[in-house]
């Protein structure tokens, strides 16, 4: 009898289908900062949404295509917000941290 290895892709721990949205940094943002940067890097390299879903978010786009698309869109939107608006809070936080 021959056995084949089956790789099951599961969502990475703590990855939500939709990012909790706020006009300020959230705990989720702080926990997933590296994920956001990986998403932006992959998008800049023209990775497909399917590659991003599976490789970064850990969601199988074949088994769960709608969920994968929704999660990628949500996380990319938040990642873009982080680099256009959210970074201001990060830099302000650093100034306060190192002040006097």
Protein backbone atom coordinates (compact mmCIF):
# COMPACT_ATOMS: atom_id res chain seq x y z
CA UNK A 1 0.00 0.00 0.00
CA UNK A 2 1.34 3.43 -0.93
CA UNK A 3 0.86 6.49 1.26
CA UNK A 4 0.91 10.07 0.13
CA UNK A 5 1.74 13.00 2.33
CA UNK A 6 -1.10 15.45 2.53
CA UNK A 7 -0.32 19.01 3.48
CA UNK A 8 -3.17 20.78 5.17
CA UNK A 9 -2.99 24.55 5.16
CA UNK A 10 -4.57 26.15 8.17
CA UNK A 11 -5.06 29.77 9.01
CA UNK A 12 -2.06 31.15 10.84
CA UNK A 13 -2.76 31.72 14.53
CA UNK A 14 -4.51 34.97 15.23
CA UNK A 15 -5.30 35.83 11.60
CA UNK A 16 -8.86 37.11 11.31
CA UNK A 17 -10.96 37.03 8.17
CA UNK A 18 -11.46 40.78 8.47
CA UNK A 19 -9.10 43.18 10.17
CA UNK A 20 -10.67 45.08 13.06
CA UNK A 21 -10.87 48.62 11.67
CA UNK A 22 -10.17 51.76 13.65
CA UNK A 23 -8.89 55.27 12.97
CA UNK A 24 -6.00 54.53 15.30
CA UNK A 25 -3.60 51.64 15.80
CA UNK A 26 -5.14 48.56 17.35
CA UNK A 27 -3.68 45.69 19.30
CA UNK A 28 -4.30 43.56 16.19
CA UNK A 29 -2.20 46.01 14.12
CA UNK A 30 0.67 45.80 16.57
CA UNK A 31 0.49 42.00 16.64
CA UNK A 32 0.40 41.74 12.84
CA UNK A 33 2.78 44.50 11.79
CA UNK A 34 5.17 41.97 10.23
CA UNK A 35 2.26 40.34 8.38
CA UNK A 36 1.25 43.72 6.95
CA UNK A 37 4.79 44.36 5.73
CA UNK A 38 4.98 40.90 4.16
CA UNK A 39 1.66 41.56 2.40
CA UNK A 40 2.89 44.86 0.97
CA UNK A 41 6.13 43.24 -0.15
CA UNK A 42 4.27 40.40 -1.86
CA UNK A 43 1.87 42.82 -3.55
CA UNK A 44 4.81 44.91 -4.79
CA UNK A 45 6.29 41.71 -6.25
CA UNK A 46 2.98 41.07 -8.08
CA UNK A 47 2.13 37.96 -6.07
CA UNK A 48 -1.36 36.70 -6.80
CA UNK A 49 -4.08 37.01 -4.17
CA UNK A 50 -4.07 33.21 -3.97
CA UNK A 51 -0.33 33.13 -3.25
CA UNK A 52 -0.76 35.81 -0.60
CA UNK A 53 -3.69 34.02 1.03
CA UNK A 54 -1.89 30.71 1.26
CA UNK A 55 1.68 31.82 1.84
CA UNK A 56 1.16 34.69 4.27
CA UNK A 57 -2.29 34.33 5.80
CA UNK A 58 -2.36 30.54 5.80
CA UNK A 59 -5.77 30.29 4.12
CA UNK A 60 -6.22 27.73 1.35
CA UNK A 61 -7.70 29.68 -1.60
CA UNK A 62 -8.88 26.48 -3.29
CA UNK A 63 -10.81 25.21 -0.27
CA UNK A 64 -12.06 28.64 0.86
CA UNK A 65 -11.89 31.06 -2.09
CA UNK A 66 -14.31 33.68 -0.74
CA UNK A 67 -12.73 33.71 2.71
CA UNK A 68 -9.26 33.93 1.20
CA UNK A 69 -10.20 36.88 -1.02
CA UNK A 70 -11.94 38.68 1.83
CA UNK A 71 -8.99 38.21 4.20
CA UNK A 72 -6.40 39.31 1.63
CA UNK A 73 -8.42 42.40 0.71
CA UNK A 74 -9.00 43.33 4.35
CA UNK A 75 -5.37 42.86 5.40
CA UNK A 76 -3.97 44.66 2.34
CA UNK A 77 -6.31 47.60 2.95
CA UNK A 78 -5.11 47.83 6.55
CA UNK A 79 -1.47 47.41 5.53
CA UNK A 80 -1.86 50.32 3.10
CA UNK A 81 -3.52 52.38 5.84
CA UNK A 82 -0.55 51.62 8.11
CA UNK A 83 1.97 53.05 5.64
CA UNK A 84 -0.11 56.08 4.65
CA UNK A 85 -1.70 57.09 7.97
CA UNK A 86 -1.04 54.70 10.83
CA UNK A 87 2.72 55.21 10.79
CA UNK A 88 2.16 58.67 12.30
CA UNK A 89 1.00 57.04 15.52
CA UNK A 90 3.97 54.71 15.52
CA UNK A 91 6.45 57.58 15.15
CA UNK A 92 4.65 59.64 17.81
CA UNK A 93 4.84 56.68 20.16
CA UNK A 94 8.59 56.40 19.63
CA UNK A 95 9.07 60.11 20.35
CA UNK A 96 7.20 59.76 23.64
CA UNK A 97 9.10 56.61 24.50
CA UNK A 98 12.51 58.26 24.09
CA UNK A 99 11.62 61.75 25.38
CA UNK A 100 13.41 63.07 28.42
